[in-house]
Protein backbone atom coordinates (compact mmCIF):
# COMPACT_ATOMS: atom_id res chain seq x y z
CA MET A 1 38.42 35.23 32.32
CA ILE A 2 36.97 32.26 30.45
CA SER A 3 34.79 29.67 32.19
CA VAL A 4 35.10 26.16 30.74
CA ILE A 5 31.91 24.19 31.40
CA THR A 6 31.95 20.41 31.06
CA VAL A 7 28.63 18.56 31.21
CA CYS A 8 28.75 14.83 31.84
CA TYR A 9 26.70 11.78 32.72
CA ASN A 10 28.07 8.23 33.09
CA ALA A 11 31.12 9.32 31.12
CA GLU A 12 34.01 7.64 32.91
CA GLN A 13 35.42 6.50 29.54
CA LEU A 14 35.25 9.98 28.00
CA ILE A 15 35.87 12.55 30.68
CA GLU A 16 39.61 11.93 31.09
CA GLY A 17 40.55 13.13 27.61
CA THR A 18 38.32 16.17 27.91
CA LEU A 19 39.67 17.21 31.31
CA ARG A 20 43.30 16.61 30.40
CA SER A 21 42.97 18.85 27.35
CA THR A 22 41.43 21.51 29.62
CA LEU A 23 43.90 21.27 32.49
CA GLN A 24 46.83 21.37 30.07
CA GLN A 25 45.82 24.87 28.97
CA LYS A 26 48.62 27.37 29.54
CA ASP A 27 46.24 30.22 30.33
CA ASP A 28 46.43 30.85 34.08
CA GLN A 29 43.10 32.60 34.52
CA TYR A 30 40.38 30.26 33.28
CA GLU A 31 38.05 28.33 35.59
CA LEU A 32 36.56 24.84 35.23
CA ILE A 33 32.94 23.99 35.97
CA ILE A 34 31.86 20.32 35.92
CA VAL A 35 28.11 19.66 35.86
CA ASP A 36 27.36 15.98 36.39
CA GLY A 37 23.90 14.49 35.99
CA LEU A 38 24.30 12.26 39.06
CA SER A 39 26.38 9.64 37.29
CA ARG A 40 26.12 6.05 38.46
CA ASP A 41 29.59 5.07 37.28
CA LYS A 42 33.05 6.39 38.23
CA THR A 43 32.81 9.65 36.28
CA LEU A 44 33.27 11.89 39.33
CA ASN A 45 36.07 9.76 40.77
CA VAL A 46 37.98 9.97 37.50
CA ALA A 47 37.40 13.73 37.30
CA LYS A 48 38.63 14.35 40.85
CA GLN A 49 41.72 12.17 40.35
CA ILE A 50 42.73 14.12 37.23
CA ILE A 51 42.15 17.47 38.91
CA GLU A 52 44.33 16.35 41.83
CA GLU A 53 46.99 15.05 39.44
CA PHE A 54 47.26 18.49 37.82
CA GLU A 55 47.11 20.21 41.24
CA PHE A 56 44.51 22.56 39.85
CA PRO A 57 43.68 25.30 42.40
CA GLU A 58 40.49 24.67 44.39
CA THR A 59 39.51 28.30 43.87
CA ARG A 60 39.31 27.77 40.12
CA TYR A 61 36.99 24.80 39.81
CA ARG A 62 33.56 23.70 40.96
CA ILE A 63 31.72 20.40 40.66
CA LEU A 64 27.94 20.08 40.74
CA SER A 65 26.34 16.63 40.71
CA GLU A 66 22.55 16.43 40.65
CA ARG A 67 19.73 15.30 38.40
CA ASP A 68 18.93 17.47 35.40
CA ASN A 69 16.40 17.64 32.59
CA GLY A 70 18.85 17.01 29.78
CA ILE A 71 22.09 18.44 28.47
CA TYR A 72 20.82 21.99 27.92
CA ASP A 73 19.41 22.17 31.44
CA ALA A 74 22.83 21.07 32.73
CA MET A 75 24.54 23.70 30.56
CA ASN A 76 22.26 26.38 32.02
CA LYS A 77 23.24 25.25 35.52
CA GLY A 78 26.90 25.57 34.58
CA VAL A 79 26.37 29.13 33.37
CA LYS A 80 24.81 30.09 36.70
CA LEU A 81 27.87 28.73 38.54
CA ALA A 82 30.38 30.41 36.23
CA LYS A 83 32.16 33.65 37.06
CA GLY A 84 34.02 34.26 33.81
CA ASP A 85 33.37 37.06 31.36
CA TYR A 86 33.11 34.42 28.63
CA VAL A 87 31.85 30.83 28.65
CA ILE A 88 32.81 27.85 26.48
CA PHE A 89 31.17 24.40 26.64
CA MET A 90 33.66 21.56 26.34
CA ASN A 91 31.49 18.55 27.09
CA CYS A 92 32.62 14.96 27.57
CA GLY A 93 34.15 13.48 24.45
CA ASP A 94 35.22 16.90 23.14
CA SER A 95 38.68 18.38 23.72
CA PHE A 96 40.78 21.47 23.13
CA ASN A 97 42.97 21.18 20.05
CA ASN A 98 46.17 22.32 21.78
CA PRO A 99 47.35 23.81 25.12
CA ASN A 100 47.38 27.39 23.79
CA VAL A 101 43.73 27.67 22.77
CA LEU A 102 42.40 29.50 25.84
CA SER A 103 45.32 31.93 26.02
CA THR A 104 44.82 32.70 22.31
CA LEU A 105 41.11 33.35 22.81
CA GLU A 106 41.78 35.39 25.94
CA THR A 107 44.24 37.63 24.10
CA PHE A 108 41.89 37.97 21.15
CA SER A 109 38.98 38.95 23.41
CA GLN A 110 41.06 41.73 24.95
CA ARG A 111 41.62 43.21 21.48
CA ASN A 112 38.14 42.52 20.13
CA ASN A 113 35.36 42.89 22.68
CA ALA A 114 32.84 40.87 20.66
CA ASP A 115 29.82 39.24 22.25
CA ALA A 116 30.94 35.90 20.82
CA ILE A 117 34.33 34.78 19.49
CA TYR A 118 34.66 31.58 17.50
CA GLY A 119 37.35 29.50 15.84
CA ASP A 120 37.61 26.34 13.79
CA THR A 121 36.86 22.73 14.68
CA ARG A 122 38.68 19.50 13.91
CA ILE A 123 35.91 16.94 13.39
CA GLN A 124 36.16 13.17 13.23
CA PHE A 125 33.58 11.62 10.89
CA TYR A 126 33.23 7.98 9.87
CA GLU A 127 34.56 8.97 6.47
CA GLY A 128 37.63 10.77 7.78
CA THR A 129 38.88 13.83 9.65
CA GLY A 130 38.22 17.36 8.48
CA LEU A 131 38.31 21.01 9.50
CA TYR A 132 35.13 23.03 9.85
CA CYS A 133 36.39 26.56 9.33
CA GLY A 134 34.26 29.15 11.04
CA GLU A 135 34.18 31.96 8.52
CA ILE A 136 30.98 33.65 7.38
CA GLY A 137 30.16 32.42 3.91
CA ASN A 138 30.48 28.70 4.60
CA GLY A 139 26.75 28.23 4.08
CA ASP A 140 25.38 28.89 7.57
CA ASP A 141 24.69 32.48 8.60
CA ILE A 142 23.49 31.49 12.10
CA MET A 143 26.16 29.00 13.18
CA PRO A 144 29.23 29.01 10.93
CA PHE A 145 30.98 27.19 13.80
CA SER A 146 30.61 24.24 16.14
CA HIS A 147 29.37 25.07 19.62
CA GLN A 148 32.55 23.51 21.07
CA SER A 149 34.58 26.23 19.35
CA ILE A 150 32.93 29.45 20.51
CA ILE A 151 33.19 31.57 23.65
CA VAL A 152 30.16 33.70 24.52
CA LYS A 153 29.78 36.51 27.01
CA ARG A 154 28.18 34.96 30.08
CA GLU A 155 25.76 37.85 30.51
CA HIS A 156 23.94 36.82 27.32
CA LEU A 157 23.59 33.21 28.47
CA ILE A 158 22.15 34.54 31.73
CA ASN A 159 19.71 36.85 29.93
CA HIS A 160 18.66 34.17 27.43
CA PRO A 161 19.25 30.64 28.79
CA PHE A 162 19.10 27.63 26.49
CA ASP A 163 15.50 26.70 25.71
CA THR A 164 15.26 23.19 27.14
CA SER A 165 12.19 22.37 25.07
CA TYR A 166 14.68 21.87 22.23
CA LYS A 167 16.58 18.59 22.62
CA ILE A 168 19.07 19.08 19.75
CA LEU A 169 18.94 22.68 18.53
CA ALA A 170 18.76 24.75 21.73
CA ASP A 171 22.20 26.12 20.91
CA ARG A 172 20.98 27.14 17.46
CA GLU A 173 17.94 28.83 19.02
CA PHE A 174 20.29 30.78 21.29
CA PHE A 175 22.53 31.93 18.45
CA THR A 176 19.46 32.87 16.40
CA TRP A 177 18.45 35.08 19.32
CA MET A 178 21.92 36.63 19.32
CA ARG A 179 21.75 37.34 15.58
CA ASN A 180 18.26 38.81 15.86
CA ASN A 181 19.45 41.14 18.60
CA LYS A 182 22.42 42.32 16.52
CA LEU A 183 25.01 41.02 18.97
CA THR A 184 28.53 40.87 17.59
CA PHE A 185 30.53 37.84 16.43
CA ALA A 186 34.25 37.69 15.63
CA HIS A 187 36.30 34.92 14.05
CA CYS A 188 39.65 34.01 15.58
CA ASP A 189 41.96 32.07 13.28
CA VAL A 190 42.65 29.14 15.58
CA VAL A 191 41.49 25.51 15.72
CA VAL A 192 39.69 25.54 19.06
CA SER A 193 38.36 22.04 19.56
CA ASN A 194 38.32 18.40 18.50
CA TYR A 195 34.87 16.90 18.09
CA ASP A 196 33.87 13.31 17.37
CA ALA A 197 30.73 13.52 15.22
CA ARG A 198 30.36 9.77 14.75
CA GLU A 199 28.09 9.41 17.77
CA GLY A 200 26.79 12.98 17.85
CA LEU A 201 23.16 13.62 18.75
CA SER A 202 22.44 15.62 15.60
CA GLU A 203 24.38 13.21 13.38
CA ASN A 204 22.22 10.29 14.45
CA ASN A 205 18.85 12.03 14.78
CA PRO A 206 18.34 13.82 11.43
CA LEU A 207 14.52 13.66 11.48
CA LYS A 208 14.20 15.06 14.98
CA MET A 209 16.66 17.77 14.07
CA ALA A 210 14.64 18.63 10.94
CA PHE A 211 11.46 19.00 13.01
CA GLU A 212 13.23 21.24 15.53
CA ARG A 213 14.70 23.35 12.72
CA ASP A 214 11.19 23.81 11.28
CA ARG A 215 9.95 24.88 14.68
CA LEU A 216 12.81 27.33 15.01
CA THR A 217 12.14 28.88 11.60
CA GLY A 218 8.38 28.98 12.12
CA LYS A 219 7.51 26.49 9.38
CA VAL A 220 5.50 24.39 11.84
CA ASN A 221 2.91 27.17 11.96
CA GLY A 222 2.00 26.73 8.30
CA LYS A 223 -1.52 25.48 7.57
CA LEU A 224 -0.23 22.61 5.43
CA TYR A 225 2.70 21.67 7.64
CA PHE A 226 1.33 18.15 8.06
CA ILE A 227 2.21 17.55 4.41
CA ARG A 228 5.80 18.69 4.96
CA LYS A 229 5.97 16.52 8.07
CA LEU A 230 4.95 13.47 6.05
CA ILE A 231 7.51 14.29 3.36
CA LEU A 232 10.27 14.67 5.96
CA THR A 233 9.27 11.41 7.60
CA PHE A 234 9.56 9.47 4.34
CA THR A 235 12.76 11.20 3.18
CA ILE A 236 14.98 12.37 6.02
CA GLY A 237 13.37 9.80 8.28
CA LEU A 238 14.85 7.03 6.13
CA ILE A 239 18.42 8.27 6.52
CA GLN A 240 19.20 6.34 9.70
CA PRO A 241 17.80 2.99 8.47
CA ILE A 242 19.73 3.41 5.22
CA LYS A 243 22.92 4.24 7.13
CA ARG A 244 22.50 1.05 9.17
CA LEU A 245 22.02 -1.12 6.08
CA CYS A 246 24.32 0.48 3.53
CA PRO A 247 28.00 -0.60 3.35
CA ARG A 248 30.25 1.87 5.15
CA LYS A 249 32.52 2.37 2.13
CA ILE A 250 29.62 3.60 0.01
CA LEU A 251 28.42 5.91 2.78
CA ASN A 252 31.93 7.33 3.18
CA VAL A 253 32.12 8.29 -0.50
CA TYR A 254 28.66 9.90 -0.36
CA PHE A 255 29.22 11.91 2.80
CA ARG A 256 32.67 13.15 1.79
CA LYS A 257 31.04 14.74 -1.25
CA LYS A 258 28.03 15.99 0.69
CA ARG A 259 30.00 17.79 3.39
CA LYS A 260 30.95 20.67 1.10
CA PHE A 261 32.20 22.96 3.86
CA ILE A 262 34.63 20.48 5.38
CA GLN A 263 38.32 20.73 4.51
CA TRP A 264 39.42 17.09 4.57
CA ILE A 265 42.75 16.40 6.20
């Protein structure tokens, strides 16, 4: 069984699309876990209305609403509530690509008992829509996939929860741990999710992400790291101001060429 975990906070405008794509899944075994950060808007009301509309069995969903210490803390809470063999995080704003995704992954997992199974992602950028195809060799040996498009055995997320000291790359830290421990990954040829990267945390915080990546790789422990930190600040740190000032058309041309591993649609 696959547990679908949706983390949300003040997301009444986003949660409907995410939940509809989940509840339209034709697989009849998955469960839904909603972890809400004590939203102050109508997020929970919208969620409950959609669940009732689909007449989703009470035995197959749970809703937790309480304060958390960020998205990764909420994701850890969802894992503890889950009962599935595998877990996938489909957070607010993300959605499944089609109604057959979970049944396809379920069937694949029965044939290939990998610790993690991942597919492809349809991503919306400012400069267009593209496919991020999760095959080894696309330039990233740790995460050749988006975290919205991978199911992971729950036991591993229990044994090694997301490190909440990372605000952007806790998922990367987790998958680095999996790689280091020789856990198995398998690619399933299916577009799993739709992801809007235009307002993504990593997309709009390149400097913070660079610092976290250096911490993850151990570069921060170097004696002269302060020099690298200054260089990053005056290079990568200028990306966001430039993006705010530069005409969108110019940025679109630049980023379409830069995103070498995206198949533009």
